[in-house]
Amino acid sequence: MTITRRTAIAAGLSLPFIARGGAAQAQAVSRSETLLLVQEYGPNSLDMQGIGSSQPVNGVALNCYDRLLRFKPVPIPGGGGNTIAMGELEGELAESWQLASDGMSCTFKLRDATFHSGRKVTAKDVKWSLDRAVSIGGFATTQMNAGSLEKPEQFVVVDDKTLRIDFIRKDKMTLPNLAVTIPFVFDSELAIKNGGDDPWAKDYLKNNIAGSGAYKVESWKPGVETIYVRNDAWTCGKLPSLRRIIARDIASPSTRRALIERGDADISYGLPPKDFKDLADAGKVNVVGVPIPNGVWGCYLNTQVGPFKDVRLRQAVAWVMPYEKMLQASLFGRGVDMSGGPETPKVAWPQPFPYKTDVAKAKALVDAAGGGFSTTLLFDAGNATVAEPMSVLIKEALATIGINVEISKVPGANFRGEIQKKTNPMVLNRFAGWLDYPDYYLFWTMHGNNSIFNIAAYQNPALDKLVDEARFTADKAVYDKSVVEFIKLVNVEVPMVPIAQPTHDVAMQKSIGGYQFQPCREPDFRYLTKG
């Protein structure tokens, strides 16, 4: 598809540079202060703590709300912008923080910050927000639990500008977990006022922002676009240079690519890997790629219902996967193959595991388990550019060992609700843990707490013991041993077949600077510049 500037304007694709709300506004926000992002799909909610919120809602939380802490930016080794230092934190709403001498609490002093409503941010707002996160259920509560933040009693208001968090155990993930997108701070008075009978104002906050962040949502049209405007009163960091962001949802990857190539869009996430490869090779725009920390494309096999309750069939799938073909046909080499690793694992995640393509071994396991059968493979349509060709190759490979696979794709906005059912025999998914530790990844995807991302519904007390041991020990030797042992265990049990560690890519015009990779893999508008 070829797009000219004329057809782009006709389609409304260059609207950010045409007056919205009159000539005065058009003059007030110049093209150099406006960014047009084109993406496959946008947020289905404005509340990342809400049940069923889609992946892009993380971007709303990141830009429109503040947290106590954030990760410190550090340069990407290959250049092109910044990534984050997992072990280095800096204050966002917190002006300072102090760990207690016994290591069992941390006291935060709040900076002078103001909500979009004009109210001052207080420790009471922070407590209400953290209480909500640990109480609301679903992904938000499990995420908080991942850092041993589990109950409202842990959050103590000392005075208007001071909050103390009491720890229930020493957990290396507690403070980093305060820097991810979930524990963001609401204007509690505004939320309660509009919440009706709901103490957490879920309906109101699903459709309205009540934050203090660097950007406000001016307009949200689900499936069409989200428009952000800068909060000029933001005090939790350097005021962003971009005053207006238009994040436009365009399902067609060829259209998004054409807009970037023609200069009609400034930045794009979520293009197919082939397009990123082609754009990087052509050199007309900048392509920045970061291997996703703690990230894996994997095929999850349901261990509780359906045929894959039999471990032999899970192992058969691992032996028959066409790993190299999938890496090239779906990721176009923009990733790391996860097959053919050593029998003895390293203390690392992700890492290649011992399986590689061996059709004869796979067929023998299927025969031993009773022969072929039919099943279904589910994936997120929002990731179709990678997941669809990968699914087709999996279907073809499994057919050679007598397993007939029907492929099913679910709209991105509905995918999390679907995987939460834990009834699908096979699910292809890319998961990346926000905190870059092996035990953190397995806490989410294979631990008996049975989070939404434990898509295989895997339950194994022996694994839980090893993961918990690694999570809470202060002894490096114990940690290393636990990690090696739990990776050995999942190599045998195969609740998920790791396929590849993907690269997180973004394409930008050469006038765009300040790229900042975040663990949630959503655009951070606060650092971007437009020259």
Protein backbone atom coordinates (compact mmCIF):
# COMPACT_ATOMS: atom_id res chain seq x y z
CA MET A 1 0.00 0.00 0.00
CA THR A 2 1.39 3.41 -0.99
CA ILE A 3 0.49 6.44 1.11
CA THR A 4 1.18 9.98 -0.03
CA ARG A 5 0.90 13.05 2.15
CA ARG A 6 -2.31 13.94 0.32
CA THR A 7 -3.94 10.58 1.03
CA ALA A 8 -2.65 10.65 4.61
CA ILE A 9 -4.32 13.99 5.23
CA ALA A 10 -7.49 12.79 3.54
CA ALA A 11 -7.54 9.80 5.89
CA GLY A 12 -7.03 12.00 8.94
CA LEU A 13 -3.54 10.64 9.53
CA SER A 14 -1.93 14.06 9.72
CA LEU A 15 -4.61 15.63 11.88
CA PRO A 16 -2.26 16.49 14.73
CA PHE A 17 -0.83 19.21 12.53
CA ILE A 18 -4.25 20.66 11.67
CA ALA A 19 -6.16 22.83 14.14
CA ARG A 20 -8.09 20.95 16.81
CA GLY A 21 -10.16 23.29 18.86
CA GLY A 22 -9.40 26.37 16.77
CA ALA A 23 -6.51 28.36 15.33
CA ALA A 24 -5.26 29.53 18.72
CA GLN A 25 -4.64 25.95 19.81
CA ALA A 26 -2.92 25.10 16.53
CA GLN A 27 -0.55 28.03 17.05
CA ALA A 28 0.01 27.14 20.71
CA VAL A 29 1.15 23.57 19.93
CA SER A 30 3.54 23.52 17.00
CA ARG A 31 4.41 20.53 14.85
CA SER A 32 7.83 20.34 16.52
CA GLU A 33 6.10 19.86 19.88
CA THR A 34 3.63 17.23 18.61
CA LEU A 35 4.34 13.52 18.17
CA LEU A 36 2.33 11.11 16.04
CA LEU A 37 2.66 7.50 17.17
CA VAL A 38 1.08 4.77 15.04
CA GLN A 39 0.39 1.43 16.75
CA GLU A 40 -1.57 -1.74 16.08
CA TYR A 41 -4.05 -1.26 18.92
CA GLY A 42 -4.44 1.03 21.89
CA PRO A 43 -5.76 0.89 25.45
CA ASN A 44 -9.12 -0.73 26.23
CA SER A 45 -9.21 1.10 29.58
CA LEU A 46 -7.50 3.98 31.39
CA ASP A 47 -6.90 1.93 34.56
CA MET A 48 -4.03 -0.59 34.45
CA GLN A 49 -5.12 -1.96 37.83
CA GLY A 50 -8.51 -2.91 36.39
CA ILE A 51 -9.40 -6.48 35.52
CA GLY A 52 -8.91 -7.24 31.81
CA SER A 53 -6.80 -4.20 30.98
CA SER A 54 -4.84 -4.72 27.76
CA GLN A 55 -1.09 -4.34 27.36
CA PRO A 56 -1.21 -0.71 26.04
CA VAL A 57 -2.92 0.46 29.24
CA ASN A 58 0.57 0.25 30.77
CA GLY A 59 1.46 3.24 28.60
CA VAL A 60 -1.42 5.23 30.07
CA ALA A 61 -0.22 4.43 33.60
CA LEU A 62 3.39 5.23 32.73
CA ASN A 63 2.71 8.68 31.28
CA CYS A 64 -0.36 9.92 33.15
CA TYR A 65 0.39 8.73 36.67
CA ASP A 66 3.37 8.89 39.01
CA ARG A 67 4.85 6.19 41.23
CA LEU A 68 6.99 6.57 44.32
CA LEU A 69 10.08 5.36 42.44
CA ARG A 70 11.28 4.85 38.86
CA PHE A 71 14.14 2.98 37.23
CA LYS A 72 17.25 5.00 36.43
CA PRO A 73 17.91 5.47 32.69
CA VAL A 74 21.20 4.05 31.37
CA PRO A 75 22.50 4.06 27.77
CA ILE A 76 21.59 1.15 25.48
CA PRO A 77 24.92 -0.62 24.78
CA GLY A 78 24.38 -0.45 21.01
CA GLY A 79 23.27 3.19 21.11
CA GLY A 80 19.99 4.78 20.11
CA GLY A 81 18.68 5.81 23.50
CA ASN A 82 18.36 4.49 27.03
CA THR A 83 17.25 1.33 28.76
CA ILE A 84 16.91 0.93 32.54
CA ALA A 85 19.19 -0.25 35.32
CA MET A 86 17.16 -2.82 37.26
CA GLY A 87 19.16 -2.34 40.44
CA GLU A 88 19.23 1.48 40.32
CA LEU A 89 16.22 3.50 41.39
CA GLU A 90 15.46 7.20 41.57
CA GLY A 91 12.61 9.14 43.11
CA GLU A 92 9.47 10.04 41.18
CA LEU A 93 6.88 11.12 43.75
CA ALA A 94 9.43 10.31 46.44
CA GLU A 95 11.89 13.10 47.07
CA SER A 96 13.89 10.72 49.27
CA TRP A 97 13.56 7.34 50.95
CA GLN A 98 15.29 5.61 53.84
CA LEU A 99 15.48 1.92 54.71
CA ALA A 100 15.19 1.11 58.42
CA SER A 101 18.32 -0.22 60.12
CA ASP A 102 16.72 -3.67 60.48
CA GLY A 103 15.77 -3.72 56.79
CA MET A 104 12.10 -4.29 57.59
CA SER A 105 10.57 -0.98 56.49
CA CYS A 106 11.20 1.99 54.23
CA THR A 107 10.10 5.60 54.80
CA PHE A 108 9.34 7.87 51.83
CA LYS A 109 9.31 11.66 51.86
CA LEU A 110 7.06 13.05 49.12
CA ARG A 111 8.03 15.93 46.89
CA ASP A 112 5.68 18.86 46.31
CA ALA A 113 3.46 17.48 43.54
CA THR A 114 -0.01 18.36 42.26
CA PHE A 115 -2.73 16.21 40.74
CA HIS A 116 -4.28 17.20 37.42
CA SER A 117 -7.30 18.30 39.49
CA GLY A 118 -5.16 20.91 41.27
CA ARG A 119 -5.06 19.05 44.62
CA LYS A 120 -1.73 18.48 46.31
CA VAL A 121 -0.50 14.87 46.43
CA THR A 122 -0.47 13.58 50.00
CA ALA A 123 0.65 10.40 51.74
CA LYS A 124 -3.06 9.59 52.18
CA ASP A 125 -3.41 9.39 48.38
CA VAL A 126 -0.39 7.11 48.15
CA LYS A 127 -1.78 4.80 50.83
CA TRP A 128 -5.23 4.65 49.18
CA SER A 129 -3.60 3.81 45.85
CA LEU A 130 -1.37 1.07 47.26
CA ASP A 131 -4.28 -0.29 49.33
CA ARG A 132 -6.27 -0.47 46.09
CA ALA A 133 -3.49 -2.28 44.22
CA VAL A 134 -3.15 -5.04 46.83
CA SER A 135 -6.93 -5.40 47.24
CA ILE A 136 -8.48 -5.06 43.78
CA GLY A 137 -7.57 -8.58 42.65
CA GLY A 138 -6.38 -9.90 39.31
CA PHE A 139 -3.10 -8.90 37.72
CA ALA A 140 -2.56 -5.81 39.88
CA THR A 141 -2.74 -7.67 43.17
CA THR A 142 -0.54 -10.53 41.94
CA GLN A 143 2.00 -7.99 40.69
CA MET A 144 2.10 -6.34 44.09
CA ASN A 145 2.48 -9.73 45.76
CA ALA A 146 5.50 -10.38 43.55
CA GLY A 147 7.29 -7.77 45.64
CA SER A 148 5.84 -8.95 48.99
CA LEU A 149 3.38 -6.04 49.02
CA GLU A 150 0.30 -7.93 50.15
CA LYS A 151 -1.97 -6.08 52.57
CA PRO A 152 -3.12 -2.53 53.32
CA GLU A 153 -1.67 -2.63 56.85
CA GLN A 154 1.81 -2.42 55.30
CA PHE A 155 1.21 1.16 54.12
CA VAL A 156 1.33 3.67 56.96
CA VAL A 157 0.67 7.43 56.74
CA VAL A 158 3.14 9.20 59.02
CA ASP A 159 2.10 12.73 58.01
CA ASP A 160 0.89 14.53 54.87
CA LYS A 161 4.28 14.20 53.18
CA THR A 162 5.58 10.97 54.73
CA LEU A 163 4.60 7.34 54.07
CA ARG A 164 6.16 4.24 55.57
CA ILE A 165 5.98 0.79 54.01
CA ASP A 166 6.40 -2.07 56.49
CA PHE A 167 7.83 -5.26 55.02
CA ILE A 168 6.41 -8.67 55.84
CA ARG A 169 9.71 -10.26 54.78
CA LYS A 170 13.00 -9.19 53.24
CA ASP A 171 12.47 -9.38 49.48
CA LYS A 172 14.94 -8.03 46.92
CA MET A 173 12.01 -7.27 44.61
CA THR A 174 10.05 -4.97 46.94
CA LEU A 175 11.60 -1.62 46.01
CA PRO A 176 12.02 -2.39 42.26
CA ASN A 177 8.38 -3.48 42.24
CA LEU A 178 7.38 0.03 43.32
CA ALA A 179 8.88 1.34 40.07
CA VAL A 180 6.79 -0.74 37.63
CA THR A 181 3.54 0.65 36.21
CA ILE A 182 1.08 -0.99 38.66
CA PRO A 183 1.66 0.91 41.98
CA PHE A 184 0.76 4.31 40.55
CA VAL A 185 -0.85 7.02 42.65
CA PHE A 186 -4.44 8.21 42.25
CA ASP A 187 -6.14 11.41 43.37
CA SER A 188 -8.04 9.46 46.01
CA GLU A 189 -10.53 12.24 46.82
CA LEU A 190 -11.52 12.56 43.17
CA ALA A 191 -11.84 8.78 42.80
CA ILE A 192 -13.90 8.31 45.96
CA LYS A 193 -16.15 11.26 45.08
CA ASN A 194 -16.99 9.66 41.72
CA GLY A 195 -16.90 6.02 42.78
CA GLY A 196 -20.48 5.67 44.00
CA ASP A 197 -20.86 2.49 46.02
CA ASP A 198 -17.57 1.05 44.73
CA PRO A 199 -14.77 1.77 47.23
CA TRP A 200 -12.18 1.48 44.43
CA ALA A 201 -14.07 3.53 41.81
CA LYS A 202 -13.38 0.94 39.13
CA ASP A 203 -15.93 2.20 36.59
CA TYR A 204 -14.91 5.83 37.02
CA LEU A 205 -11.17 5.16 36.77
CA LYS A 206 -11.63 2.87 33.78
CA ASN A 207 -12.85 5.92 31.87
CA ASN A 208 -11.12 8.84 33.58
CA ILE A 209 -7.59 9.81 34.61
CA ALA A 210 -7.08 10.90 38.23
CA GLY A 211 -3.32 11.28 38.27
CA SER A 212 -0.43 13.67 38.70
CA GLY A 213 1.69 12.43 35.79
CA ALA A 214 3.54 14.26 33.04
CA TYR A 215 0.61 13.88 30.60
CA LYS A 216 -3.17 14.09 30.71
CA VAL A 217 -5.59 12.28 28.40
CA GLU A 218 -7.36 14.90 26.32
CA SER A 219 -9.33 12.43 24.23
CA TRP A 220 -9.72 8.65 24.20
CA LYS A 221 -11.53 6.86 21.40
CA PRO A 222 -11.01 3.11 21.88
CA GLY A 223 -9.88 1.46 18.67
CA VAL A 224 -9.20 4.84 17.05
CA GLU A 225 -6.77 7.04 18.98
CA THR A 226 -5.67 8.41 22.33
CA ILE A 227 -4.57 12.06 22.56
CA TYR A 228 -2.31 13.16 25.39
CA VAL A 229 -1.41 16.74 26.36
CA ARG A 230 1.46 17.75 28.60
CA ASN A 231 0.81 18.54 32.25
CA ASP A 232 2.70 21.81 32.56
CA ALA A 233 2.50 21.61 36.36
CA TRP A 234 4.46 18.30 36.53
CA THR A 235 7.24 18.42 39.13
CA CYS A 236 8.36 14.77 39.32
CA GLY A 237 10.97 15.11 36.60
CA LYS A 238 12.20 17.34 33.83
CA LEU A 239 9.20 18.79 31.98
CA PRO A 240 8.81 16.87 28.70
CA SER A 241 9.60 18.76 25.50
CA LEU A 242 6.63 17.24 23.66
CA ARG A 243 3.39 19.06 24.42
CA ARG A 244 1.00 16.83 22.51
CA ILE A 245 0.95 13.12 21.66
CA ILE A 246 -1.43 11.48 19.22
CA ALA A 247 -1.34 7.69 19.55
CA ARG A 248 -3.30 6.37 16.59
CA ASP A 249 -4.54 2.79 16.28
CA ILE A 250 -3.95 1.43 12.78
CA ALA A 251 -4.44 -2.32 12.40
CA SER A 252 -2.62 -2.62 9.07
CA PRO A 253 1.16 -3.01 9.55
CA SER A 254 1.78 -2.05 5.91
CA THR A 255 -0.02 1.25 6.47
CA ARG A 256 1.99 1.93 9.63
CA ARG A 257 5.23 1.16 7.84
CA ALA A 258 4.30 3.38 4.91
CA LEU A 259 3.50 6.27 7.26
CA ILE A 260 6.91 5.95 8.90
CA GLU A 261 8.73 5.64 5.57
CA ARG A 262 6.96 8.69 4.15
CA GLY A 263 7.57 10.80 7.24
CA ASP A 264 3.84 11.14 7.98
CA ALA A 265 4.27 9.47 11.39
CA ASP A 266 7.05 10.06 13.88
CA ILE A 267 7.34 6.75 15.67
CA SER A 268 5.90 3.23 15.56
CA TYR A 269 5.94 0.24 17.88
CA GLY A 270 4.73 -3.24 17.04
CA LEU A 271 5.61 -3.49 13.37
CA PRO A 272 6.39 -6.98 12.06
CA PRO A 273 10.02 -7.97 12.60
CA LYS A 274 10.51 -8.13 8.81
CA ASP A 275 9.53 -4.45 8.55
CA PHE A 276 11.94 -3.49 11.30
CA LYS A 277 14.69 -5.44 9.54
CA ASP A 278 13.90 -3.78 6.20
CA LEU A 279 13.73 -0.31 7.76
CA ALA A 280 17.03 -0.83 9.59
CA ASP A 281 18.68 -2.07 6.39
CA ALA A 282 17.36 0.90 4.37
CA GLY A 283 18.67 3.41 6.90
CA LYS A 284 16.09 6.15 6.25
CA VAL A 285 14.71 5.97 9.78
CA ASN A 286 16.26 4.92 13.08
CA VAL A 287 15.44 1.45 14.39
CA VAL A 288 16.35 0.78 18.02
CA GLY A 289 16.21 -2.80 19.27
CA VAL A 290 16.58 -4.00 22.86
CA PRO A 291 16.61 -7.75 23.67
CA ILE A 292 13.63 -7.97 25.97
CA PRO A 293 14.88 -8.63 29.51
CA ASN A 294 13.20 -11.66 31.07
CA GLY A 295 11.26 -12.08 27.79
CA VAL A 296 10.39 -15.24 25.85
CA TRP A 297 8.07 -16.28 23.06
CA GLY A 298 6.76 -19.62 24.31
CA CYS A 299 4.13 -22.26 23.66
CA TYR A 300 2.21 -23.00 26.89
CA LEU A 301 0.75 -26.51 27.26
CA ASN A 302 -2.17 -26.94 29.66
CA THR A 303 -1.07 -29.29 32.45
CA GLN A 304 -4.50 -29.57 34.11
CA VAL A 305 -7.04 -30.20 31.32
CA GLY A 306 -6.79 -31.78 27.88
CA PRO A 307 -4.17 -34.02 26.28
CA PHE A 308 -1.11 -32.18 27.58
CA LYS A 309 -1.74 -33.36 31.11
CA ASP A 310 0.58 -36.15 29.91
CA VAL A 311 4.17 -34.93 30.27
CA ARG A 312 5.25 -37.16 27.37
CA LEU A 313 3.10 -35.12 25.00
CA ARG A 314 4.54 -31.87 26.33
CA GLN A 315 8.03 -33.24 25.73
CA ALA A 316 6.99 -34.36 22.24
CA VAL A 317 5.97 -30.80 21.36
CA ALA A 318 9.35 -29.57 22.60
CA TRP A 319 11.19 -32.08 20.41
CA VAL A 320 9.22 -31.38 17.23
CA MET A 321 9.28 -27.55 17.24
CA PRO A 322 11.00 -26.07 14.14
CA TYR A 323 12.99 -23.54 16.19
CA GLU A 324 15.27 -22.08 13.53
CA LYS A 325 12.45 -21.81 10.99
CA MET A 326 10.30 -19.94 13.52
CA LEU A 327 13.12 -17.54 14.39
CA GLN A 328 13.64 -16.66 10.74
CA ALA A 329 10.06 -16.83 9.38
CA SER A 330 8.34 -14.98 12.22
CA LEU A 331 11.09 -12.90 13.88
CA PHE A 332 13.40 -12.49 10.84
CA GLY A 333 16.36 -13.13 13.05
CA ARG A 334 15.46 -10.38 15.53
CA GLY A 335 15.72 -12.62 18.53
CA VAL A 336 17.73 -15.40 20.20
CA ASP A 337 16.98 -19.11 19.60
CA MET A 338 16.02 -20.89 22.81
CA SER A 339 16.74 -24.45 21.63
CA GLY A 340 19.76 -26.75 21.88
CA GLY A 341 21.09 -25.59 25.25
CA PRO A 342 23.26 -27.57 27.67
CA GLU A 343 21.89 -30.25 30.00
CA THR A 344 23.16 -28.28 33.00
CA PRO A 345 21.55 -24.82 33.03
CA LYS A 346 23.29 -21.55 33.79
CA VAL A 347 22.08 -19.15 36.50
CA ALA A 348 20.23 -17.03 33.94
CA TRP A 349 16.90 -16.45 32.28
CA PRO A 350 16.10 -16.67 29.46
CA GLN A 351 18.55 -19.28 28.24
CA PRO A 352 18.42 -22.04 25.60
CA PHE A 353 16.96 -25.27 26.94
CA PRO A 354 18.08 -28.81 25.98
CA TYR A 355 15.45 -29.60 23.35
CA LYS A 356 16.04 -29.22 19.61
CA THR A 357 14.17 -30.44 16.55
CA ASP A 358 14.08 -34.27 16.58
CA VAL A 359 10.94 -35.59 14.87
CA ALA A 360 11.70 -39.26 15.59
CA LYS A 361 11.98 -38.65 19.34
CA ALA A 362 8.77 -36.63 19.29
CA LYS A 363 6.85 -39.30 17.34
CA ALA A 364 8.00 -42.05 19.73
CA LEU A 365 6.69 -40.06 22.70
CA VAL A 366 3.30 -39.50 21.02
CA ASP A 367 3.02 -43.20 20.18
CA ALA A 368 3.90 -44.14 23.77
CA ALA A 369 1.17 -41.81 25.02
CA GLY A 370 -1.51 -43.45 22.89
CA GLY A 371 -1.12 -41.92 19.44
CA GLY A 372 -2.29 -38.80 17.64
CA PHE A 373 -5.19 -36.49 18.44
CA SER A 374 -6.69 -33.11 17.60
CA THR A 375 -6.24 -29.93 19.64
CA THR A 376 -6.29 -26.12 19.38
CA LEU A 377 -3.61 -23.44 19.52
CA LEU A 378 -4.60 -19.95 20.67
CA PHE A 379 -2.77 -16.66 20.18
CA ASP A 380 -3.30 -12.92 20.62
CA ALA A 381 -4.37 -11.29 17.35
CA GLY A 382 -2.60 -8.14 18.54
CA ASN A 383 0.67 -10.08 18.07
CA ALA A 384 -0.43 -11.72 14.83
CA THR A 385 2.52 -10.48 12.76
CA VAL A 386 4.78 -12.79 14.76
CA ALA A 387 2.33 -15.29 16.25
CA GLU A 388 0.51 -16.21 13.04
CA PRO A 389 3.50 -17.47 11.02
CA MET A 390 4.82 -19.10 14.19
CA SER A 391 1.48 -20.87 14.71
CA VAL A 392 1.39 -22.12 11.12
CA LEU A 393 4.86 -23.63 11.51
CA ILE A 394 3.84 -25.27 14.81
CA LYS A 395 0.71 -26.71 13.14
CA GLU A 396 2.78 -28.13 10.27
CA ALA A 397 5.37 -29.61 12.63
CA LEU A 398 2.84 -31.26 14.94
CA ALA A 399 1.03 -32.79 11.97
CA THR A 400 4.18 -34.86 11.28
CA ILE A 401 3.75 -36.64 14.64
CA GLY A 402 -0.02 -37.18 14.37
CA ILE A 403 -1.26 -34.10 16.25
CA ASN A 404 -3.83 -32.10 14.29
CA VAL A 405 -3.88 -28.44 15.38
CA GLU A 406 -6.66 -25.93 14.80
CA ILE A 407 -5.40 -22.33 15.10
CA SER A 408 -7.54 -19.76 16.92
CA LYS A 409 -6.75 -16.06 17.35
CA VAL A 410 -8.35 -13.79 19.93
CA PRO A 411 -8.55 -9.97 19.68
CA GLY A 412 -5.86 -8.29 21.75
CA ALA A 413 -8.42 -6.56 23.98
CA ASN A 414 -9.89 -9.96 24.95
CA PHE A 415 -6.73 -12.05 25.18
CA ARG A 416 -6.04 -11.66 28.89
CA GLY A 417 -9.61 -12.56 29.73
CA GLU A 418 -9.27 -15.68 27.60
CA ILE A 419 -6.00 -16.91 29.12
CA GLN A 420 -7.38 -16.30 32.60
CA LYS A 421 -9.87 -19.13 31.96
CA LYS A 422 -6.93 -21.61 31.80
CA THR A 423 -8.91 -23.97 29.60
CA ASN A 424 -7.00 -23.71 26.30
CA PRO A 425 -4.80 -26.73 25.48
CA MET A 426 -2.07 -24.71 23.74
CA VAL A 427 -1.38 -20.97 23.88
CA LEU A 428 1.34 -19.11 22.04
CA ASN A 429 2.36 -16.01 23.97
CA ARG A 430 5.20 -13.58 24.50
CA PHE A 431 5.73 -12.89 28.18
CA ALA A 432 8.39 -10.66 29.71
CA GLY A 433 8.76 -10.23 33.44
CA TRP A 434 9.22 -6.60 34.44
CA LEU A 435 11.91 -7.44 37.01
CA ASP A 436 14.87 -9.20 35.44
CA TYR A 437 15.35 -12.24 37.69
CA PRO A 438 14.88 -15.96 36.80
CA ASP A 439 12.79 -16.54 39.93
CA TYR A 440 10.58 -13.58 39.02
CA TYR A 441 9.81 -15.03 35.58
CA LEU A 442 8.84 -18.39 37.04
CA PHE A 443 6.82 -16.74 39.82
CA TRP A 444 4.57 -15.34 37.10
CA THR A 445 4.44 -18.21 34.62
CA MET A 446 4.81 -21.50 36.52
CA HIS A 447 4.40 -20.91 40.26
CA GLY A 448 1.50 -22.35 42.26
CA ASN A 449 0.15 -18.87 43.01
CA ASN A 450 -1.43 -19.48 39.57
CA SER A 451 -1.22 -15.94 38.21
CA ILE A 452 -2.99 -15.00 34.98
CA PHE A 453 0.30 -15.66 33.13
CA ASN A 454 0.57 -19.24 34.42
CA ILE A 455 -1.21 -20.11 31.20
CA ALA A 456 -0.31 -23.80 31.55
CA ALA A 457 -2.03 -23.87 34.98
CA TYR A 458 1.12 -25.61 36.22
CA GLN A 459 1.12 -26.75 39.86
CA ASN A 460 4.21 -28.30 41.42
CA PRO A 461 5.08 -27.78 45.12
CA ALA A 462 8.69 -28.79 44.45
CA LEU A 463 9.06 -25.99 41.92
CA ASP A 464 7.32 -23.50 44.22
CA LYS A 465 9.77 -24.34 47.00
CA LEU A 466 12.79 -23.73 44.75
CA VAL A 467 11.41 -20.48 43.30
CA ASP A 468 10.52 -19.15 46.77
CA GLU A 469 13.92 -20.18 48.09
CA ALA A 470 15.65 -18.22 45.33
CA ARG A 471 13.35 -15.25 45.81
CA PHE A 472 13.98 -14.73 49.48
CA THR A 473 17.50 -15.97 50.17
CA ALA A 474 20.36 -13.54 50.79
CA ASP A 475 22.91 -16.32 50.16
CA LYS A 476 24.28 -16.28 46.59
CA ALA A 477 25.24 -19.96 46.69
CA VAL A 478 21.71 -20.94 47.74
CA TYR A 479 20.27 -18.64 45.07
CA ASP A 480 22.43 -20.11 42.29
CA LYS A 481 21.65 -23.69 43.28
CA SER A 482 17.91 -23.01 43.47
CA VAL A 483 17.84 -21.39 40.01
CA VAL A 484 19.74 -24.27 38.39
CA GLU A 485 17.44 -26.80 40.04
CA PHE A 486 14.17 -25.12 39.07
CA ILE A 487 15.31 -24.68 35.47
CA LYS A 488 16.26 -28.39 35.35
CA LEU A 489 12.79 -29.19 36.65
CA VAL A 490 10.90 -27.16 34.03
CA ASN A 491 13.16 -28.62 31.32
CA VAL A 492 11.75 -32.03 32.22
CA GLU A 493 8.17 -30.96 32.97
CA VAL A 494 7.82 -28.58 29.98
CA PRO A 495 4.75 -26.55 30.99
CA MET A 496 6.03 -24.04 28.42
CA VAL A 497 8.26 -24.59 25.40
CA PRO A 498 10.59 -21.56 25.07
CA ILE A 499 10.98 -20.63 21.41
CA ALA A 500 12.95 -17.36 21.23
CA GLN A 501 13.94 -14.29 23.23
CA PRO A 502 12.63 -11.45 21.06
CA THR A 503 14.00 -7.99 20.44
CA HIS A 504 11.80 -5.02 21.35
CA ASP A 505 12.01 -2.74 18.32
CA VAL A 506 10.90 0.82 17.64
CA ALA A 507 11.15 2.81 14.40
CA MET A 508 11.58 6.59 14.64
CA GLN A 509 12.22 9.49 12.34
CA LYS A 510 15.80 10.72 12.67
CA SER A 511 14.47 13.92 14.24
CA ILE A 512 13.22 11.94 17.27
CA GLY A 513 15.55 11.62 20.25
CA GLY A 514 15.36 10.58 23.87
CA TYR A 515 14.09 7.04 23.36
CA GLN A 516 13.60 5.31 26.73
CA PHE A 517 12.97 1.56 26.93
CA GLN A 518 10.79 0.54 29.88
CA PRO A 519 10.11 -2.99 31.20
CA CYS A 520 6.40 -2.62 30.34
CA ARG A 521 7.47 -2.11 26.67
CA GLU A 522 5.14 0.82 26.12
CA PRO A 523 6.21 4.28 24.83
CA ASP A 524 7.58 6.63 27.48
CA PHE A 525 6.70 10.06 26.10
CA ARG A 526 8.31 11.89 28.99
CA TYR A 527 11.85 11.64 27.61
CA LEU A 528 11.20 11.91 23.85
CA THR A 529 12.35 14.95 21.89
CA LYS A 530 11.66 16.14 18.38
CA GLY A 531 14.40 18.10 16.70
